[in-house]
Amino acid sequence: MCEERNEELIFKDMLEEVVENFGEGSQEGVKFAIKKCQEDLGCVSISHQKQIAEAFELDEKIIKTIIKFMPSVKESKVEYEVICCTGARCAKNGSMEVLKAVKNIIGIDFNETTEDGKISLRSQNCFKKCKFGPNIMINGKFYHQMDKEKVQKVLEDIIK
């Protein structure tokens, strides 16, 4: 807990210094702050993204867009973030079977992380990719038309 607080203070100090050096609204400054946050803290959480947006007086959507073009940046410290679609159209295409398979293979339930901290599992109502469903996303990469066999293969490659 103390370590987390200390990291946050260091992050805030770094952020103030970066804004001072680059100026408000600077995309180069934002990129630098994101890289520094990733290096120092191991991820750029939603909370950090909000703080960066506020410090540079930019919309959070801009920060998220910049992060999308920085593949090495992660929103959490887990190695693999698995997100399963739970939308109605995916459900019609058999996503419940896929969801059960994912939970059984990984050995955790939604909104949990494996004991080794390697994999987290969560759900999202809809990815807006319904015609390709059932869908899962792993670290921002979509896997479409999933079934038990396909999900087994994809996850086995990760878990090794």
C-alpha atoms as a PDB file:
ATOM      1  CA  MET A   1       0.000   0.000   0.000  1.00  0.00           C
ATOM      2  CA  CYS A   2       2.784   2.451   0.925  1.00  0.00           C
ATOM      3  CA  GLU A   3       4.711   1.432  -2.174  1.00  0.00           C
ATOM      4  CA  GLU A   4       1.647   2.191  -4.333  1.00  0.00           C
ATOM      5  CA  ARG A   5       1.250   5.618  -2.742  1.00  0.00           C
ATOM      6  CA  ASN A   6       4.943   6.340  -3.256  1.00  0.00           C
ATOM      7  CA  GLU A   7       4.708   5.308  -6.930  1.00  0.00           C
ATOM      8  CA  GLU A   8       1.722   7.617  -7.379  1.00  0.00           C
ATOM      9  CA  LEU A   9       3.605  10.558  -5.868  1.00  0.00           C
ATOM     10  CA  ILE A  10       6.585   9.891  -8.120  1.00  0.00           C
ATOM     11  CA  PHE A  11       4.210   9.669 -11.111  1.00  0.00           C
ATOM     12  CA  LYS A  12       2.549  12.994 -10.241  1.00  0.00           C
ATOM     13  CA  ASP A  13       5.933  14.696  -9.834  1.00  0.00           C
ATOM     14  CA  MET A  14       7.113  13.284 -13.157  1.00  0.00           C
ATOM     15  CA  LEU A  15       3.907  14.414 -14.848  1.00  0.00           C
ATOM     16  CA  GLU A  16       4.245  17.977 -13.535  1.00  0.00           C
ATOM     17  CA  GLU A  17       7.835  18.106 -14.777  1.00  0.00           C
ATOM     18  CA  VAL A  18       6.901  16.778 -18.235  1.00  0.00           C
ATOM     19  CA  VAL A  19       4.077  19.321 -18.624  1.00  0.00           C
ATOM     20  CA  GLU A  20       6.469  22.060 -17.526  1.00  0.00           C
ATOM     21  CA  ASN A  21       9.047  20.974 -20.127  1.00  0.00           C
ATOM     22  CA  PHE A  22       6.715  20.244 -23.054  1.00  0.00           C
ATOM     23  CA  GLY A  23       3.766  22.538 -22.337  1.00  0.00           C
ATOM     24  CA  GLU A  24       0.030  21.900 -22.092  1.00  0.00           C
ATOM     25  CA  GLY A  25      -1.544  20.293 -25.147  1.00  0.00           C
ATOM     26  CA  SER A  26       1.773  18.843 -26.363  1.00  0.00           C
ATOM     27  CA  GLN A  27       1.322  15.435 -27.970  1.00  0.00           C
ATOM     28  CA  GLU A  28       5.066  14.808 -27.720  1.00  0.00           C
ATOM     29  CA  GLY A  29       4.798  15.506 -24.007  1.00  0.00           C
ATOM     30  CA  VAL A  30       1.867  13.106 -23.734  1.00  0.00           C
ATOM     31  CA  LYS A  31       3.850  10.370 -25.526  1.00  0.00           C
ATOM     32  CA  PHE A  32       6.803  10.956 -23.228  1.00  0.00           C
ATOM     33  CA  ALA A  33       4.575  10.803 -20.116  1.00  0.00           C
ATOM     34  CA  ILE A  34       2.915   7.592 -21.338  1.00  0.00           C
ATOM     35  CA  LYS A  35       6.285   5.929 -22.052  1.00  0.00           C
ATOM     36  CA  LYS A  36       7.663   7.033 -18.689  1.00  0.00           C
ATOM     37  CA  CYS A  37       4.567   5.751 -16.864  1.00  0.00           C
ATOM     38  CA  GLN A  38       4.861   2.391 -18.654  1.00  0.00           C
ATOM     39  CA  GLU A  39       8.572   2.146 -17.792  1.00  0.00           C
ATOM     40  CA  ASP A  40       8.222   3.182 -14.159  1.00  0.00           C
ATOM     41  CA  LEU A  41       4.914   1.551 -13.203  1.00  0.00           C
ATOM     42  CA  GLY A  42       4.608  -1.316 -15.676  1.00  0.00           C
ATOM     43  CA  CYS A  43       1.333  -0.046 -17.127  1.00  0.00           C
ATOM     44  CA  VAL A  44      -0.694   3.064 -17.953  1.00  0.00           C
ATOM     45  CA  SER A  45      -3.915   2.475 -16.044  1.00  0.00           C
ATOM     46  CA  ILE A  46      -7.201   4.261 -16.715  1.00  0.00           C
ATOM     47  CA  SER A  47      -6.460   6.424 -13.673  1.00  0.00           C
ATOM     48  CA  HIS A  48      -3.062   7.394 -15.093  1.00  0.00           C
ATOM     49  CA  GLN A  49      -4.645   8.172 -18.461  1.00  0.00           C
ATOM     50  CA  LYS A  50      -7.096  10.531 -16.752  1.00  0.00           C
ATOM     51  CA  GLN A  51      -4.270  12.248 -14.883  1.00  0.00           C
ATOM     52  CA  ILE A  52      -2.255  12.666 -18.088  1.00  0.00           C
ATOM     53  CA  ALA A  53      -5.307  14.102 -19.875  1.00  0.00           C
ATOM     54  CA  GLU A  54      -5.937  16.566 -17.042  1.00  0.00           C
ATOM     55  CA  ALA A  55      -2.281  17.594 -16.800  1.00  0.00           C
ATOM     56  CA  PHE A  56      -2.025  18.321 -20.527  1.00  0.00           C
ATOM     57  CA  GLU A  57      -5.581  19.733 -20.659  1.00  0.00           C
ATOM     58  CA  LEU A  58      -6.638  17.227 -23.307  1.00  0.00           C
ATOM     59  CA  ASP A  59      -9.645  14.967 -23.713  1.00  0.00           C
ATOM     60  CA  GLU A  60      -9.140  11.407 -22.427  1.00  0.00           C
ATOM     61  CA  LYS A  61     -10.094  10.124 -25.898  1.00  0.00           C
ATOM     62  CA  ILE A  62      -6.944  11.736 -27.298  1.00  0.00           C
ATOM     63  CA  ILE A  63      -4.823   9.911 -24.722  1.00  0.00           C
ATOM     64  CA  LYS A  64      -6.522   6.598 -25.579  1.00  0.00           C
ATOM     65  CA  THR A  65      -5.974   7.220 -29.304  1.00  0.00           C
ATOM     66  CA  ILE A  66      -2.282   7.943 -28.782  1.00  0.00           C
ATOM     67  CA  ILE A  67      -1.964   4.765 -26.691  1.00  0.00           C
ATOM     68  CA  LYS A  68      -3.554   2.707 -29.493  1.00  0.00           C
ATOM     69  CA  PHE A  69      -0.544   3.605 -31.658  1.00  0.00           C
ATOM     70  CA  MET A  70       1.897   2.554 -28.935  1.00  0.00           C
ATOM     71  CA  PRO A  71       1.687  -1.261 -28.915  1.00  0.00           C
ATOM     72  CA  SER A  72       4.119  -1.704 -26.023  1.00  0.00           C
ATOM     73  CA  VAL A  73       1.824   0.216 -23.656  1.00  0.00           C
ATOM     74  CA  LYS A  74      -0.522  -1.818 -21.441  1.00  0.00           C
ATOM     75  CA  GLU A  75      -3.431  -0.671 -19.283  1.00  0.00           C
ATOM     76  CA  SER A  76      -2.706  -3.259 -16.613  1.00  0.00           C
ATOM     77  CA  LYS A  77       0.292  -5.186 -15.332  1.00  0.00           C
ATOM     78  CA  VAL A  78      -1.073  -8.552 -16.400  1.00  0.00           C
ATOM     79  CA  GLU A  79       0.658 -10.182 -19.326  1.00  0.00           C
ATOM     80  CA  TYR A  80      -2.570 -11.237 -21.040  1.00  0.00           C
ATOM     81  CA  GLU A  81      -5.942  -9.530 -20.762  1.00  0.00           C
ATOM     82  CA  VAL A  82      -8.691 -11.765 -22.127  1.00  0.00           C
ATOM     83  CA  ILE A  83     -12.037 -10.083 -22.810  1.00  0.00           C
ATOM     84  CA  CYS A  84     -15.081 -12.073 -23.915  1.00  0.00           C
ATOM     85  CA  CYS A  85     -18.091 -10.592 -25.664  1.00  0.00           C
ATOM     86  CA  THR A  86     -21.348 -11.210 -23.820  1.00  0.00           C
ATOM     87  CA  GLY A  87     -23.587  -9.351 -26.267  1.00  0.00           C
ATOM     88  CA  ALA A  88     -26.901 -10.798 -27.447  1.00  0.00           C
ATOM     89  CA  ARG A  89     -25.790 -11.495 -31.019  1.00  0.00           C
ATOM     90  CA  CYS A  90     -22.666 -13.365 -29.931  1.00  0.00           C
ATOM     91  CA  ALA A  91     -24.853 -15.307 -27.491  1.00  0.00           C
ATOM     92  CA  LYS A  92     -27.096 -16.363 -30.397  1.00  0.00           C
ATOM     93  CA  ASN A  93     -23.986 -17.675 -32.149  1.00  0.00           C
ATOM     94  CA  GLY A  94     -22.883 -19.819 -29.206  1.00  0.00           C
ATOM     95  CA  SER A  95     -20.768 -17.490 -27.093  1.00  0.00           C
ATOM     96  CA  MET A  96     -21.969 -19.071 -23.830  1.00  0.00           C
ATOM     97  CA  GLU A  97     -20.177 -22.286 -24.795  1.00  0.00           C
ATOM     98  CA  VAL A  98     -17.064 -20.255 -25.647  1.00  0.00           C
ATOM     99  CA  LEU A  99     -17.259 -18.352 -22.347  1.00  0.00           C
ATOM    100  CA  LYS A 100     -17.463 -21.590 -20.349  1.00  0.00           C
ATOM    101  CA  ALA A 101     -14.485 -22.983 -22.259  1.00  0.00           C
ATOM    102  CA  VAL A 102     -12.424 -19.844 -21.600  1.00  0.00           C
ATOM    103  CA  LYS A 103     -13.179 -19.963 -17.864  1.00  0.00           C
ATOM    104  CA  ASN A 104     -12.362 -23.690 -17.667  1.00  0.00           C
ATOM    105  CA  ILE A 105      -9.094 -23.401 -19.595  1.00  0.00           C
ATOM    106  CA  ILE A 106      -7.804 -20.384 -17.677  1.00  0.00           C
ATOM    107  CA  GLY A 107      -9.224 -21.591 -14.364  1.00  0.00           C
ATOM    108  CA  ILE A 108     -10.683 -18.266 -13.236  1.00  0.00           C
ATOM    109  CA  ASP A 109     -14.003 -16.453 -13.420  1.00  0.00           C
ATOM    110  CA  PHE A 110     -14.731 -13.040 -14.895  1.00  0.00           C
ATOM    111  CA  ASN A 111     -13.080 -10.054 -13.206  1.00  0.00           C
ATOM    112  CA  GLU A 112     -10.377 -12.288 -11.763  1.00  0.00           C
ATOM    113  CA  THR A 113      -6.665 -12.701 -12.376  1.00  0.00           C
ATOM    114  CA  THR A 114      -4.709 -15.944 -12.258  1.00  0.00           C
ATOM    115  CA  GLU A 115      -2.639 -16.519  -9.112  1.00  0.00           C
ATOM    116  CA  ASP A 116       0.587 -15.931 -11.038  1.00  0.00           C
ATOM    117  CA  GLY A 117      -0.791 -12.571 -12.231  1.00  0.00           C
ATOM    118  CA  LYS A 118      -0.272 -13.580 -15.842  1.00  0.00           C
ATOM    119  CA  ILE A 119      -3.864 -13.602 -17.161  1.00  0.00           C
ATOM    120  CA  SER A 120      -6.950 -11.554 -16.330  1.00  0.00           C
ATOM    121  CA  LEU A 121     -10.433 -12.349 -17.587  1.00  0.00           C
ATOM    122  CA  ARG A 122     -13.305  -9.974 -18.038  1.00  0.00           C
ATOM    123  CA  SER A 123     -16.379  -9.554 -20.182  1.00  0.00           C
ATOM    124  CA  GLN A 124     -17.725  -6.753 -22.303  1.00  0.00           C
ATOM    125  CA  ASN A 125     -21.297  -6.402 -23.493  1.00  0.00           C
ATOM    126  CA  CYS A 126     -20.504  -5.883 -27.191  1.00  0.00           C
ATOM    127  CA  PHE A 127     -17.444  -5.294 -29.368  1.00  0.00           C
ATOM    128  CA  LYS A 128     -19.613  -4.075 -32.287  1.00  0.00           C
ATOM    129  CA  LYS A 129     -18.253  -6.909 -34.433  1.00  0.00           C
ATOM    130  CA  CYS A 130     -21.427  -8.964 -34.281  1.00  0.00           C
ATOM    131  CA  LYS A 131     -21.281 -10.489 -37.760  1.00  0.00           C
ATOM    132  CA  PHE A 132     -17.955 -12.130 -36.830  1.00  0.00           C
ATOM    133  CA  GLY A 133     -19.105 -13.499 -33.452  1.00  0.00           C
ATOM    134  CA  PRO A 134     -18.602 -15.088 -31.056  1.00  0.00           C
ATOM    135  CA  ASN A 135     -15.665 -12.787 -30.362  1.00  0.00           C
ATOM    136  CA  ILE A 136     -12.905 -12.641 -27.793  1.00  0.00           C
ATOM    137  CA  MET A 137     -10.111 -10.117 -27.508  1.00  0.00           C
ATOM    138  CA  ILE A 138      -6.660 -10.811 -26.099  1.00  0.00           C
ATOM    139  CA  ASN A 139      -4.390  -7.805 -25.496  1.00  0.00           C
ATOM    140  CA  GLY A 140      -6.343  -5.764 -28.024  1.00  0.00           C
ATOM    141  CA  LYS A 141      -6.307  -8.421 -30.768  1.00  0.00           C
ATOM    142  CA  PHE A 142      -9.668  -9.787 -31.878  1.00  0.00           C
ATOM    143  CA  TYR A 143     -10.370 -13.465 -32.426  1.00  0.00           C
ATOM    144  CA  HIS A 144     -13.580 -14.046 -34.386  1.00  0.00           C
ATOM    145  CA  GLN A 145     -16.022 -16.896 -34.953  1.00  0.00           C
ATOM    146  CA  MET A 146     -14.718 -18.663 -31.883  1.00  0.00           C
ATOM    147  CA  ASP A 147     -15.833 -22.089 -30.749  1.00  0.00           C
ATOM    148  CA  LYS A 148     -14.550 -24.407 -28.007  1.00  0.00           C
ATOM    149  CA  GLU A 149     -11.810 -25.872 -30.198  1.00  0.00           C
ATOM    150  CA  LYS A 150     -10.548 -22.514 -31.493  1.00  0.00           C
ATOM    151  CA  VAL A 151     -10.509 -20.957 -28.025  1.00  0.00           C
ATOM    152  CA  GLN A 152      -8.656 -24.016 -26.685  1.00  0.00           C
ATOM    153  CA  LYS A 153      -5.928 -23.586 -29.331  1.00  0.00           C
ATOM    154  CA  VAL A 154      -5.569 -19.814 -28.849  1.00  0.00           C
ATOM    155  CA  LEU A 155      -5.411 -20.029 -25.054  1.00  0.00           C
ATOM    156  CA  GLU A 156      -3.065 -23.022 -25.001  1.00  0.00           C
ATOM    157  CA  ASP A 157      -0.562 -20.973 -27.004  1.00  0.00           C
ATOM    158  CA  ILE A 158      -0.772 -18.247 -24.348  1.00  0.00           C
ATOM    159  CA  ILE A 159      -0.692 -20.406 -21.229  1.00  0.00           C
ATOM    160  CA  LYS A 160       2.467 -22.315 -22.218  1.00  0.00           C
END
